[in-house]
């Protein structure tokens, strides 16, 4: 009949099968991508929480944040000043060691048999910087230790030594303060640096890669609870 001729033929199960399979593949792919994205986000949030509690090291202030591409101009100026002081401190340390080696009496180096390393260290040890250990000039060696000339000379040597030592300590304190100020400036901007950096960029920094690895170990142990805690941060 005419009415029957225009009706669409029923779809057989065999015809639906490929369509269902395709749809199932699409849905599965979507789920996998969604889960992968959720896991990646959770791992990043977990590692970021470690980074947020990380304070820029005083010795190398801003090292972590500089590796993320962020530089603070004021902090960098402070670091440059600190580096110049460090060079000055190093030179003064060398000068102090030379003075100590020339001005104080050395004990006979202790021997350690055939141990070459310990013998070298023993010979390289600086003499003790004390008043009683001051090396006297030939003319003063002939005098009694209580002689005013001997006492005066020893006091002068100790004064020179202590001035050199105190100068180094003062410079070290100044250097420390500069690095503390620089580290503080970087720490204030840590949230900004973390948010603007991609996971790929952050993972290139060794310390961040370590945090990421620890977070992944946590995920592998308890994936469901890990995602509940970190996926929606």
N, C-alpha and C. Protein backbone atom coordinates (compact mmCIF):
# COMPACT_ATOMS: atom_id res chain seq x y z
N UNK A 1 0.84 -1.20 0.00
CA UNK A 1 0.00 0.00 0.00
C UNK A 1 0.88 1.24 0.00
N UNK A 2 0.23 2.38 -0.42
CA UNK A 2 0.99 3.64 -0.53
C UNK A 2 1.54 4.09 0.82
N UNK A 3 0.65 3.94 1.85
CA UNK A 3 1.08 4.35 3.19
C UNK A 3 2.25 3.55 3.69
N UNK A 4 2.27 2.31 3.38
CA UNK A 4 3.34 1.45 3.85
C UNK A 4 4.64 1.71 3.11
N UNK A 5 4.54 2.16 1.82
CA UNK A 5 5.74 2.33 1.00
C UNK A 5 6.61 3.49 1.47
N UNK A 6 5.98 4.46 2.10
CA UNK A 6 6.76 5.63 2.52
C UNK A 6 7.36 5.45 3.92
N UNK A 7 7.02 4.42 4.61
CA UNK A 7 7.57 4.19 5.94
C UNK A 7 9.02 3.72 5.84
N UNK A 8 9.89 4.21 6.74
CA UNK A 8 11.30 3.77 6.75
C UNK A 8 11.38 2.36 7.25
N UNK A 9 12.24 1.57 6.68
CA UNK A 9 12.41 0.19 7.13
C UNK A 9 13.01 0.17 8.52
N UNK A 10 12.68 -0.78 9.35
CA UNK A 10 13.25 -0.87 10.70
C UNK A 10 14.76 -1.06 10.64
N UNK A 11 15.45 -0.41 11.60
CA UNK A 11 16.93 -0.51 11.64
C UNK A 11 17.30 -1.79 12.36
N UNK A 12 18.12 -2.56 11.74
CA UNK A 12 18.51 -3.85 12.32
C UNK A 12 19.61 -3.65 13.35
N UNK A 13 19.75 -4.58 14.29
CA UNK A 13 20.82 -4.49 15.29
C UNK A 13 22.20 -4.44 14.68
N UNK A 14 22.34 -5.12 13.52
CA UNK A 14 23.63 -5.13 12.85
C UNK A 14 24.04 -3.75 12.36
N UNK A 15 23.01 -2.95 11.91
CA UNK A 15 23.29 -1.61 11.42
C UNK A 15 23.64 -0.67 12.57
N UNK A 16 23.08 -0.87 13.75
CA UNK A 16 23.32 -0.01 14.90
C UNK A 16 24.68 -0.30 15.55
N UNK A 17 25.17 -1.47 15.41
CA UNK A 17 26.39 -1.89 16.10
C UNK A 17 27.59 -0.98 15.81
N UNK A 18 27.92 -0.66 14.55
CA UNK A 18 29.06 0.22 14.27
C UNK A 18 28.87 1.60 14.87
N UNK A 19 27.64 2.11 14.85
CA UNK A 19 27.37 3.44 15.39
C UNK A 19 27.58 3.46 16.90
N UNK A 20 27.11 2.39 17.55
CA UNK A 20 27.29 2.30 18.99
C UNK A 20 28.76 2.21 19.36
N UNK A 21 29.50 1.44 18.56
CA UNK A 21 30.92 1.30 18.82
C UNK A 21 31.64 2.63 18.69
N UNK A 22 31.28 3.39 17.64
CA UNK A 22 31.90 4.70 17.42
C UNK A 22 31.59 5.65 18.57
N UNK A 23 30.32 5.64 18.97
CA UNK A 23 29.91 6.49 20.08
C UNK A 23 30.62 6.10 21.37
N UNK A 24 30.77 4.81 21.58
CA UNK A 24 31.45 4.32 22.78
C UNK A 24 32.92 4.76 22.79
N UNK A 25 33.55 4.71 21.62
CA UNK A 25 34.96 5.13 21.49
C UNK A 25 35.11 6.62 21.80
N UNK A 26 34.17 7.42 21.26
CA UNK A 26 34.20 8.87 21.48
C UNK A 26 34.03 9.19 22.96
N UNK A 27 33.05 8.52 23.58
CA UNK A 27 32.78 8.74 25.01
C UNK A 27 33.99 8.32 25.84
N UNK A 28 34.59 7.17 25.52
CA UNK A 28 35.75 6.67 26.24
C UNK A 28 36.93 7.63 26.11
N UNK A 29 37.13 8.13 24.89
CA UNK A 29 38.22 9.08 24.66
C UNK A 29 38.02 10.35 25.49
N UNK A 30 36.77 10.80 25.53
CA UNK A 30 36.44 12.00 26.31
C UNK A 30 36.72 11.77 27.80
N UNK A 31 36.34 10.60 28.27
CA UNK A 31 36.55 10.26 29.70
C UNK A 31 38.04 10.20 30.02
N UNK A 32 38.81 9.58 29.10
CA UNK A 32 40.26 9.45 29.33
C UNK A 32 40.94 10.81 29.35
N UNK A 33 40.54 11.68 28.39
CA UNK A 33 41.11 13.03 28.34
C UNK A 33 40.74 13.81 29.59
N UNK A 34 39.47 13.66 29.99
CA UNK A 34 38.99 14.36 31.20
C UNK A 34 39.74 13.90 32.43
N UNK A 35 39.94 12.58 32.56
CA UNK A 35 40.64 12.02 33.72
C UNK A 35 42.10 12.45 33.72
N UNK A 36 42.71 12.43 32.52
CA UNK A 36 44.11 12.83 32.40
C UNK A 36 44.29 14.29 32.80
N UNK A 37 43.36 15.13 32.31
CA UNK A 37 43.41 16.56 32.63
C UNK A 37 43.20 16.78 34.12
N UNK A 38 42.29 16.01 34.71
CA UNK A 38 42.00 16.13 36.13
C UNK A 38 43.22 15.71 36.95
N UNK A 39 43.86 14.64 36.54
CA UNK A 39 45.05 14.16 37.25
C UNK A 39 46.18 15.19 37.16
N UNK A 40 46.40 15.72 35.96
CA UNK A 40 47.46 16.71 35.75
C UNK A 40 47.22 17.95 36.61
N UNK A 41 45.97 18.39 36.63
CA UNK A 41 45.61 19.56 37.43
C UNK A 41 45.84 19.30 38.92
N UNK A 42 45.47 18.10 39.36
CA UNK A 42 45.65 17.74 40.77
C UNK A 42 47.13 17.68 41.14
N UNK A 43 47.94 17.09 40.26
CA UNK A 43 49.38 17.00 40.52
C UNK A 43 50.00 18.40 40.59
N UNK A 44 49.58 19.27 39.67
CA UNK A 44 50.10 20.63 39.67
C UNK A 44 49.71 21.37 40.95
N UNK A 45 48.45 21.21 41.36
CA UNK A 45 48.00 21.88 42.59
C UNK A 45 48.77 21.37 43.81
N UNK A 46 49.03 20.08 43.81
CA UNK A 46 49.78 19.47 44.92
C UNK A 46 51.20 20.02 44.97
N UNK A 47 51.88 20.05 43.81
CA UNK A 47 53.25 20.56 43.75
C UNK A 47 53.30 22.05 44.03
N UNK A 48 52.29 22.79 43.56
CA UNK A 48 52.23 24.23 43.82
C UNK A 48 52.10 24.52 45.32
N UNK A 49 51.41 23.64 46.03
CA UNK A 49 51.26 23.85 47.47
C UNK A 49 52.62 23.73 48.17
N UNK A 50 53.47 22.82 47.64
CA UNK A 50 54.82 22.70 48.17
C UNK A 50 55.63 23.95 47.85
N UNK A 51 55.46 24.43 46.62
CA UNK A 51 56.19 25.62 46.19
C UNK A 51 55.75 26.86 46.97
N UNK A 52 54.47 26.93 47.30
CA UNK A 52 53.95 28.08 48.04
C UNK A 52 54.56 28.17 49.44
N UNK A 53 54.94 27.02 49.99
CA UNK A 53 55.55 26.99 51.32
C UNK A 53 57.07 27.09 51.26
N UNK A 54 57.58 27.10 50.03
CA UNK A 54 59.03 27.16 49.84
C UNK A 54 59.51 28.60 49.95
N UNK A 55 60.52 28.81 50.72
CA UNK A 55 61.07 30.15 50.87
C UNK A 55 62.39 30.25 50.11
N UNK A 56 62.55 31.35 49.39
CA UNK A 56 63.77 31.54 48.61
C UNK A 56 64.98 31.41 49.52
N UNK A 57 65.91 30.59 49.08
CA UNK A 57 67.11 30.34 49.87
C UNK A 57 67.95 31.61 49.98
N UNK A 58 68.49 31.85 51.17
CA UNK A 58 69.24 33.07 51.40
C UNK A 58 70.53 33.10 50.58
N UNK A 59 71.16 31.94 50.41
CA UNK A 59 72.43 31.89 49.68
C UNK A 59 72.22 32.18 48.20
N UNK A 60 71.15 31.62 47.64
CA UNK A 60 70.82 31.86 46.23
C UNK A 60 69.39 32.39 46.15
N UNK A 61 69.14 33.60 46.63
CA UNK A 61 67.76 34.11 46.67
C UNK A 61 67.12 34.18 45.29
N UNK A 62 65.87 33.73 45.21
CA UNK A 62 65.14 33.81 43.96
C UNK A 62 65.50 32.75 42.94
N UNK A 63 66.34 31.79 43.33
CA UNK A 63 66.78 30.76 42.36
C UNK A 63 65.58 30.07 41.71
N UNK A 64 64.62 29.62 42.54
CA UNK A 64 63.45 28.91 42.03
C UNK A 64 62.62 29.80 41.12
N UNK A 65 62.36 31.03 41.57
CA UNK A 65 61.48 31.92 40.82
C UNK A 65 62.15 32.46 39.55
N UNK A 66 63.47 32.62 39.61
CA UNK A 66 64.17 33.06 38.42
C UNK A 66 64.13 31.99 37.34
N UNK A 67 64.14 30.73 37.77
CA UNK A 67 64.04 29.62 36.82
C UNK A 67 62.65 29.54 36.20
N UNK A 68 61.68 30.18 36.83
CA UNK A 68 60.34 30.24 36.25
C UNK A 68 60.21 31.43 35.29
N UNK A 69 61.29 32.17 35.15
CA UNK A 69 61.28 33.30 34.24
C UNK A 69 60.94 34.62 34.91
N UNK A 70 60.80 34.62 36.22
CA UNK A 70 60.45 35.84 36.93
C UNK A 70 61.66 36.46 37.61
N UNK A 71 61.89 37.75 37.35
CA UNK A 71 63.00 38.45 37.98
C UNK A 71 62.49 39.75 38.60
N UNK A 72 62.93 39.99 39.82
CA UNK A 72 62.59 41.21 40.52
C UNK A 72 63.79 42.16 40.43
N UNK A 73 63.60 43.32 39.81
CA UNK A 73 64.71 44.24 39.56
C UNK A 73 65.39 44.68 40.86
N UNK A 74 64.58 45.03 41.85
CA UNK A 74 65.16 45.48 43.11
C UNK A 74 65.93 44.36 43.80
N UNK A 75 65.35 43.16 43.75
CA UNK A 75 66.02 42.01 44.37
C UNK A 75 67.33 41.71 43.66
N UNK A 76 67.35 41.83 42.34
CA UNK A 76 68.57 41.55 41.57
C UNK A 76 69.67 42.54 41.91
N UNK A 77 69.29 43.80 42.15
CA UNK A 77 70.30 44.80 42.54
C UNK A 77 70.91 44.44 43.89
N UNK A 78 70.06 43.97 44.81
CA UNK A 78 70.55 43.56 46.13
C UNK A 78 71.49 42.36 46.02
N UNK A 79 71.15 41.44 45.12
CA UNK A 79 71.98 40.25 44.92
C UNK A 79 73.35 40.63 44.34
N UNK A 80 73.37 41.59 43.42
CA UNK A 80 74.64 42.05 42.85
C UNK A 80 75.53 42.67 43.92
N UNK A 81 74.91 43.47 44.80
CA UNK A 81 75.68 44.07 45.90
C UNK A 81 76.23 42.99 46.82
N UNK A 82 75.40 41.98 47.09
CA UNK A 82 75.83 40.88 47.96
C UNK A 82 76.98 40.10 47.33
N UNK A 83 76.92 39.90 46.02
CA UNK A 83 77.98 39.17 45.32
C UNK A 83 79.31 39.93 45.36
N UNK A 84 79.23 41.27 45.26
CA UNK A 84 80.45 42.08 45.35
C UNK A 84 81.06 41.98 46.75
N UNK A 85 80.18 42.00 47.75
CA UNK A 85 80.66 41.85 49.12
C UNK A 85 81.30 40.48 49.34
N UNK A 86 80.69 39.46 48.73
CA UNK A 86 81.24 38.10 48.86
C UNK A 86 82.66 38.03 48.31
N UNK A 87 82.88 38.70 47.17
CA UNK A 87 84.23 38.74 46.58
C UNK A 87 85.20 39.44 47.53
N UNK A 88 84.75 40.54 48.12
CA UNK A 88 85.59 41.28 49.06
C UNK A 88 85.90 40.44 50.30
N UNK A 89 84.89 39.72 50.79
CA UNK A 89 85.06 38.85 51.95
C UNK A 89 86.07 37.75 51.66
N UNK A 90 85.97 37.16 50.48
CA UNK A 90 86.90 36.10 50.08
C UNK A 90 88.34 36.60 50.08
N UNK A 91 88.54 37.81 49.53
CA UNK A 91 89.89 38.40 49.51
C UNK A 91 90.41 38.65 50.92
N UNK A 92 89.51 39.15 51.79
CA UNK A 92 89.93 39.44 53.17
C UNK A 92 90.21 38.16 53.95
N UNK A 93 89.48 37.11 53.66
CA UNK A 93 89.75 35.82 54.29
C UNK A 93 91.16 35.33 53.91
N UNK A 94 91.51 35.47 52.66
CA UNK A 94 92.84 35.05 52.19
C UNK A 94 93.92 35.87 52.89
N UNK A 95 93.67 37.18 53.02
CA UNK A 95 94.62 38.07 53.68
C UNK A 95 94.78 37.68 55.16
N UNK A 96 93.66 37.36 55.81
CA UNK A 96 93.70 36.97 57.22
C UNK A 96 94.48 35.67 57.42
N UNK A 97 94.27 34.71 56.51
CA UNK A 97 95.00 33.44 56.61
C UNK A 97 96.50 33.65 56.46
N UNK A 98 96.88 34.52 55.53
CA UNK A 98 98.31 34.80 55.34
C UNK A 98 98.90 35.44 56.60
N UNK A 99 98.15 36.40 57.14
CA UNK A 99 98.60 37.08 58.36
C UNK A 99 98.72 36.10 59.52
N UNK A 100 97.74 35.23 59.64
CA UNK A 100 97.75 34.23 60.73
C UNK A 100 98.93 33.27 60.58
N UNK A 101 99.20 32.88 59.35
CA UNK A 101 100.31 31.95 59.10
C UNK A 101 101.66 32.57 59.40
N UNK A 102 101.79 33.88 59.19
CA UNK A 102 103.06 34.56 59.41
C UNK A 102 103.24 35.04 60.85
N UNK A 103 102.14 35.30 61.55
CA UNK A 103 102.22 35.97 62.86
C UNK A 103 102.14 35.04 64.06
N UNK A 104 101.77 33.79 63.83
CA UNK A 104 101.60 32.87 64.96
C UNK A 104 102.43 31.61 64.73
N UNK A 105 102.86 31.04 65.84
CA UNK A 105 103.72 29.85 65.77
C UNK A 105 102.92 28.60 65.40
N UNK A 106 103.47 27.83 64.49
CA UNK A 106 102.83 26.58 64.07
C UNK A 106 103.39 25.42 64.87
N UNK A 107 102.52 24.52 65.26
CA UNK A 107 102.97 23.30 65.92
C UNK A 107 103.49 22.34 64.86
N UNK A 108 104.26 21.39 65.29
CA UNK A 108 104.72 20.37 64.35
C UNK A 108 103.51 19.61 63.83
N UNK A 109 103.37 19.46 62.51
CA UNK A 109 102.20 18.76 61.97
C UNK A 109 102.13 17.32 62.44
N UNK A 110 100.93 16.91 62.81
CA UNK A 110 100.73 15.54 63.25
C UNK A 110 100.82 14.59 62.06
N UNK A 111 101.47 13.46 62.23
CA UNK A 111 101.60 12.51 61.12
C UNK A 111 100.56 11.39 61.26
N UNK A 112 100.07 10.96 60.11
CA UNK A 112 99.04 9.91 60.05
C UNK A 112 99.52 8.72 59.22
N UNK A 113 100.76 8.32 59.44
CA UNK A 113 101.28 7.16 58.72
C UNK A 113 101.32 7.40 57.22
N UNK A 114 100.73 6.49 56.46
CA UNK A 114 100.73 6.58 55.00
C UNK A 114 99.50 7.30 54.45
N UNK A 115 98.66 7.85 55.34
CA UNK A 115 97.45 8.52 54.87
C UNK A 115 97.83 9.90 54.31
N UNK A 116 97.92 9.98 52.99
CA UNK A 116 98.38 11.20 52.32
C UNK A 116 97.43 12.36 52.57
N UNK A 117 96.14 12.10 52.48
CA UNK A 117 95.14 13.17 52.62
C UNK A 117 95.22 13.81 54.00
N UNK A 118 95.21 12.98 55.07
CA UNK A 118 95.26 13.50 56.43
C UNK A 118 96.57 14.23 56.71
N UNK A 119 97.67 13.74 56.13
CA UNK A 119 98.96 14.40 56.32
C UNK A 119 98.97 15.78 55.66
N UNK A 120 98.37 15.88 54.49
CA UNK A 120 98.28 17.17 53.79
C UNK A 120 97.42 18.14 54.59
N UNK A 121 96.29 17.64 55.12
CA UNK A 121 95.41 18.49 55.92
C UNK A 121 96.10 18.97 57.19
N UNK A 122 96.89 18.09 57.79
CA UNK A 122 97.61 18.44 59.01
C UNK A 122 98.62 19.55 58.75
N UNK A 123 99.32 19.46 57.63
CA UNK A 123 100.32 20.47 57.28
C UNK A 123 99.67 21.80 56.90
N UNK A 124 98.44 21.72 56.34
CA UNK A 124 97.76 22.93 55.88
C UNK A 124 97.03 23.66 57.00
N UNK A 125 96.92 23.04 58.18
CA UNK A 125 96.19 23.64 59.29
C UNK A 125 96.87 24.92 59.75
N UNK A 126 96.07 25.98 59.93
CA UNK A 126 96.62 27.26 60.36
C UNK A 126 96.98 27.21 61.84
N UNK A 127 98.02 27.97 62.23
CA UNK A 127 98.39 28.02 63.66
C UNK A 127 97.29 28.70 64.47
N UNK A 128 97.23 28.39 65.76
CA UNK A 128 96.21 28.97 66.63
C UNK A 128 96.51 30.44 66.87
N UNK A 129 95.46 31.27 66.70
CA UNK A 129 95.63 32.72 66.87
C UNK A 129 95.33 33.12 68.31
N UNK A 130 96.33 32.96 69.18
CA UNK A 130 96.20 33.39 70.58
C UNK A 130 97.41 34.23 70.94
N UNK A 131 97.25 35.03 71.99
CA UNK A 131 98.33 35.93 72.42
C UNK A 131 99.61 35.15 72.77
N UNK A 132 99.42 34.04 73.45
CA UNK A 132 100.60 33.26 73.87
C UNK A 132 101.29 32.58 72.68
N UNK A 133 100.58 32.50 71.55
CA UNK A 133 101.13 31.81 70.39
C UNK A 133 101.70 32.77 69.34
N UNK A 134 101.76 34.05 69.68
CA UNK A 134 102.30 35.04 68.73
C UNK A 134 103.77 34.75 68.46
N UNK A 135 104.13 34.79 67.20
CA UNK A 135 105.52 34.54 66.80
C UNK A 135 106.34 35.82 67.04
N UNK A 136 107.33 35.74 67.89
CA UNK A 136 108.14 36.91 68.23
C UNK A 136 109.28 37.12 67.25
N UNK A 137 109.72 38.35 67.15
CA UNK A 137 110.90 38.66 66.33
C UNK A 137 112.14 38.17 67.08
N UNK A 138 113.24 37.94 66.37
CA UNK A 138 114.46 37.40 67.03
C UNK A 138 114.91 38.20 68.25
N UNK A 139 114.82 39.53 68.20
CA UNK A 139 115.27 40.33 69.33
C UNK A 139 114.35 40.19 70.53
N UNK A 140 113.04 39.96 70.29
CA UNK A 140 112.09 39.81 71.40
C UNK A 140 112.13 38.42 72.00
N UNK A 141 112.56 37.44 71.23
CA UNK A 141 112.65 36.06 71.74
C UNK A 141 113.65 35.94 72.89
N UNK A 142 114.61 36.85 72.93
CA UNK A 142 115.63 36.80 73.97
C UNK A 142 115.13 37.37 75.30
N UNK A 143 114.00 38.06 75.25
CA UNK A 143 113.48 38.72 76.44
C UNK A 143 112.52 37.82 77.21
N UNK A 144 112.29 38.19 78.46
CA UNK A 144 111.35 37.46 79.31
C UNK A 144 109.92 37.70 78.78
N UNK A 145 109.06 36.69 78.80
CA UNK A 145 107.68 36.86 78.31
C UNK A 145 106.91 37.98 78.99
N UNK A 146 107.31 38.34 80.23
CA UNK A 146 106.61 39.41 80.95
C UNK A 146 107.18 40.79 80.63
N UNK A 147 108.19 40.83 79.78
CA UNK A 147 108.79 42.12 79.42
C UNK A 147 107.75 42.98 78.70
N UNK A 148 107.67 44.28 79.06
CA UNK A 148 106.69 45.18 78.44
C UNK A 148 106.76 45.21 76.90
N UNK A 149 107.99 45.08 76.36
CA UNK A 149 108.14 45.09 74.90
C UNK A 149 107.46 43.87 74.27
N UNK A 150 107.61 42.72 74.93
CA UNK A 150 107.00 41.48 74.43
C UNK A 150 105.48 41.57 74.52
N UNK A 151 105.02 42.05 75.66
CA UNK A 151 103.57 42.18 75.87
C UNK A 151 102.97 43.15 74.85
N UNK A 152 103.65 44.28 74.65
CA UNK A 152 103.16 45.28 73.69
C UNK A 152 103.09 44.69 72.27
N UNK A 153 104.14 43.97 71.88
CA UNK A 153 104.18 43.39 70.54
C UNK A 153 103.04 42.38 70.35
N UNK A 154 102.86 41.51 71.34
CA UNK A 154 101.80 40.51 71.25
C UNK A 154 100.42 41.17 71.17
N UNK A 155 100.23 42.22 71.95
CA UNK A 155 98.96 42.95 71.91
C UNK A 155 98.70 43.58 70.54
N UNK A 156 99.76 44.11 69.95
CA UNK A 156 99.63 44.73 68.63
C UNK A 156 99.25 43.70 67.57
N UNK A 157 99.89 42.53 67.64
CA UNK A 157 99.57 41.45 66.68
C UNK A 157 98.13 41.01 66.86
N UNK A 158 97.69 40.83 68.10
CA UNK A 158 96.31 40.40 68.36
C UNK A 158 95.31 41.45 67.92
N UNK A 159 95.65 42.74 68.12
CA UNK A 159 94.76 43.82 67.68
C UNK A 159 94.58 43.79 66.16
N UNK A 160 95.70 43.59 65.45
CA UNK A 160 95.63 43.53 63.98
C UNK A 160 94.78 42.34 63.53
N UNK A 161 95.00 41.21 64.20
CA UNK A 161 94.25 40.00 63.85
C UNK A 161 92.74 40.20 64.09
N UNK A 162 92.40 40.74 65.24
CA UNK A 162 90.98 40.91 65.59
C UNK A 162 90.30 41.96 64.70
N UNK A 163 91.04 42.99 64.32
CA UNK A 163 90.47 43.99 63.41
C UNK A 163 90.15 43.37 62.05
N UNK A 164 91.07 42.55 61.56
CA UNK A 164 90.83 41.87 60.29
C UNK A 164 89.63 40.92 60.40
N UNK A 165 89.58 40.19 61.51
CA UNK A 165 88.49 39.23 61.72
C UNK A 165 87.14 39.94 61.87
N UNK A 166 87.11 41.02 62.63
CA UNK A 166 85.87 41.78 62.82
C UNK A 166 85.39 42.44 61.54
N UNK A 167 86.35 42.87 60.72
CA UNK A 167 85.99 43.45 59.42
C UNK A 167 85.28 42.43 58.55
N UNK A 168 85.79 41.19 58.56
CA UNK A 168 85.16 40.11 57.79
C UNK A 168 83.77 39.81 58.32
N UNK A 169 83.63 39.74 59.65
CA UNK A 169 82.33 39.45 60.26
C UNK A 169 81.30 40.52 59.91
N UNK A 170 81.73 41.78 59.89
CA UNK A 170 80.83 42.88 59.55
C UNK A 170 80.36 42.78 58.10
N UNK A 171 81.30 42.49 57.22
CA UNK A 171 80.95 42.33 55.80
C UNK A 171 80.02 41.14 55.59
N UNK A 172 80.27 40.06 56.31
CA UNK A 172 79.42 38.86 56.20
C UNK A 172 77.99 39.17 56.65
N UNK A 173 77.88 39.96 57.71
CA UNK A 173 76.55 40.34 58.19
C UNK A 173 75.83 41.21 57.17
N UNK A 174 76.57 42.13 56.55
CA UNK A 174 75.98 42.99 55.51
C UNK A 174 75.53 42.15 54.30
N UNK A 175 76.37 41.19 53.94
CA UNK A 175 76.02 40.31 52.81
C UNK A 175 74.76 39.50 53.13
N UNK A 176 74.71 38.94 54.33
CA UNK A 176 73.54 38.16 54.75
C UNK A 176 72.27 39.00 54.70
N UNK A 177 72.35 40.23 55.18
CA UNK A 177 71.17 41.11 55.19
C UNK A 177 70.69 41.41 53.78
N UNK A 178 71.62 41.63 52.86
CA UNK A 178 71.25 41.90 51.47
C UNK A 178 70.54 40.70 50.85
N UNK A 179 71.06 39.50 51.12
CA UNK A 179 70.46 38.29 50.56
C UNK A 179 69.09 38.01 51.19
N UNK A 180 68.96 38.31 52.48
CA UNK A 180 67.66 38.14 53.16
C UNK A 180 66.62 39.06 52.54
N UNK A 181 67.00 40.32 52.30
CA UNK A 181 66.07 41.29 51.68
C UNK A 181 65.67 40.84 50.28
N UNK A 182 66.66 40.35 49.51
CA UNK A 182 66.39 39.88 48.15
C UNK A 182 65.46 38.67 48.17
N UNK A 183 65.72 37.74 49.08
CA UNK A 183 64.88 36.54 49.19
C UNK A 183 63.46 36.93 49.58
N UNK A 184 63.33 37.91 50.46
CA UNK A 184 62.01 38.36 50.91
C UNK A 184 61.21 38.94 49.75
N UNK A 185 61.88 39.70 48.90
CA UNK A 185 61.19 40.29 47.74
C UNK A 185 60.68 39.21 46.80
N UNK A 186 61.47 38.16 46.60
CA UNK A 186 61.02 37.06 45.74
C UNK A 186 59.89 36.27 46.38
N UNK A 187 59.99 36.08 47.69
CA UNK A 187 58.94 35.32 48.39
C UNK A 187 57.58 36.01 48.32
N UNK A 188 57.60 37.33 48.30
CA UNK A 188 56.35 38.08 48.25
C UNK A 188 55.60 37.86 46.93
N UNK A 189 56.34 37.52 45.89
CA UNK A 189 55.73 37.37 44.57
C UNK A 189 55.61 35.91 44.14
N UNK A 190 55.79 34.98 45.08
CA UNK A 190 55.80 33.57 44.69
C UNK A 190 54.49 33.12 44.08
N UNK A 191 53.36 33.59 44.62
CA UNK A 191 52.04 33.19 44.08
C UNK A 191 51.88 33.64 42.64
N UNK A 192 52.35 34.84 42.36
CA UNK A 192 52.28 35.39 41.00
C UNK A 192 53.09 34.54 40.03
N UNK A 193 54.32 34.21 40.44
CA UNK A 193 55.19 33.42 39.56
C UNK A 193 54.63 32.02 39.32
N UNK A 194 54.02 31.43 40.34
CA UNK A 194 53.47 30.09 40.21
C UNK A 194 52.28 30.07 39.25
N UNK A 195 51.40 31.06 39.39
CA UNK A 195 50.18 31.09 38.57
C UNK A 195 50.46 31.36 37.10
N UNK A 196 51.45 32.18 36.85
CA UNK A 196 51.70 32.56 35.44
C UNK A 196 52.57 31.54 34.70
N UNK A 197 53.13 30.59 35.42
CA UNK A 197 54.01 29.59 34.79
C UNK A 197 53.25 28.30 34.50
N UNK A 198 53.50 27.74 33.33
CA UNK A 198 52.86 26.48 32.96
C UNK A 198 53.49 25.33 33.73
N UNK A 199 52.77 24.22 33.78
CA UNK A 199 53.29 23.03 34.46
C UNK A 199 54.57 22.56 33.79
N UNK A 200 54.63 22.65 32.46
CA UNK A 200 55.82 22.23 31.73
C UNK A 200 57.03 23.06 32.15
N UNK A 201 56.82 24.37 32.27
CA UNK A 201 57.91 25.27 32.67
C UNK A 201 58.36 24.96 34.09
N UNK A 202 57.40 24.81 34.99
CA UNK A 202 57.73 24.55 36.39
C UNK A 202 58.44 23.21 36.57
N UNK A 203 58.02 22.22 35.80
CA UNK A 203 58.61 20.88 35.95
C UNK A 203 60.07 20.82 35.50
N UNK A 204 60.54 21.87 34.79
CA UNK A 204 61.94 21.92 34.36
C UNK A 204 62.87 22.34 35.49
N UNK A 205 62.29 22.91 36.55
CA UNK A 205 63.08 23.31 37.71
C UNK A 205 63.25 22.08 38.61
N UNK A 206 64.50 21.67 38.90
CA UNK A 206 64.73 20.42 39.63
C UNK A 206 63.94 20.26 40.92
N UNK A 207 63.89 21.31 41.75
CA UNK A 207 63.18 21.19 43.02
C UNK A 207 61.68 21.00 42.81
N UNK A 208 61.12 21.64 41.79
CA UNK A 208 59.70 21.47 41.50
C UNK A 208 59.43 20.07 40.96
N UNK A 209 60.34 19.57 40.15
CA UNK A 209 60.21 18.20 39.62
C UNK A 209 60.19 17.19 40.76
N UNK A 210 60.98 17.45 41.81
CA UNK A 210 60.98 16.57 42.98
C UNK A 210 59.62 16.59 43.67
N UNK A 211 59.05 17.79 43.83
CA UNK A 211 57.73 17.90 44.46
C UNK A 211 56.67 17.18 43.63
N UNK A 212 56.77 17.33 42.32
CA UNK A 212 55.82 16.70 41.42
C UNK A 212 55.91 15.18 41.52
N UNK A 213 57.12 14.67 41.63
CA UNK A 213 57.32 13.23 41.74
C UNK A 213 56.71 12.69 43.04
N UNK A 214 56.91 13.43 44.14
CA UNK A 214 56.33 13.01 45.42
C UNK A 214 54.81 13.02 45.37
N UNK A 215 54.24 14.02 44.69
CA UNK A 215 52.79 14.10 44.55
C UNK A 215 52.26 12.93 43.73
N UNK A 216 53.01 12.56 42.70
CA UNK A 216 52.57 11.44 41.86
C UNK A 216 52.61 10.12 42.64
N UNK A 217 53.58 9.99 43.51
CA UNK A 217 53.63 8.79 44.37
C UNK A 217 52.40 8.72 45.27
N UNK A 218 51.98 9.87 45.78
CA UNK A 218 50.77 9.93 46.60
C UNK A 218 49.55 9.56 45.77
N UNK A 219 49.51 10.06 44.54
CA UNK A 219 48.39 9.75 43.64
C UNK A 219 48.32 8.25 43.35
N UNK A 220 49.47 7.65 43.09
CA UNK A 220 49.50 6.22 42.77
C UNK A 220 49.03 5.35 43.93
N UNK A 221 49.28 5.81 45.15
CA UNK A 221 48.86 5.05 46.33
C UNK A 221 47.35 5.14 46.54
N UNK A 222 46.81 6.36 46.46
CA UNK A 222 45.37 6.57 46.71
C UNK A 222 44.81 7.58 45.70
N UNK A 223 44.61 7.16 44.46
CA UNK A 223 44.19 8.10 43.41
C UNK A 223 42.87 8.82 43.70
N UNK A 224 41.88 8.11 44.22
CA UNK A 224 40.57 8.73 44.45
C UNK A 224 40.65 9.84 45.49
N UNK A 225 41.24 9.54 46.62
CA UNK A 225 41.33 10.55 47.68
C UNK A 225 42.26 11.70 47.28
N UNK A 226 43.28 11.38 46.48
CA UNK A 226 44.19 12.41 46.00
C UNK A 226 43.45 13.42 45.12
N UNK A 227 42.63 12.88 44.21
CA UNK A 227 41.86 13.76 43.31
C UNK A 227 40.85 14.58 44.09
N UNK A 228 40.23 13.97 45.08
CA UNK A 228 39.26 14.71 45.89
C UNK A 228 39.93 15.88 46.60
N UNK A 229 41.16 15.66 47.01
CA UNK A 229 41.86 16.73 47.76
C UNK A 229 42.41 17.81 46.85
N UNK A 230 42.97 17.44 45.69
CA UNK A 230 43.73 18.39 44.91
C UNK A 230 43.11 18.82 43.58
N UNK A 231 42.16 18.10 43.05
CA UNK A 231 41.68 18.39 41.68
C UNK A 231 40.95 19.71 41.59
N UNK A 232 40.28 20.12 42.64
CA UNK A 232 39.45 21.33 42.56
C UNK A 232 40.01 22.51 43.33
N UNK A 233 41.30 22.52 43.53
CA UNK A 233 41.92 23.62 44.28
C UNK A 233 41.92 24.90 43.46
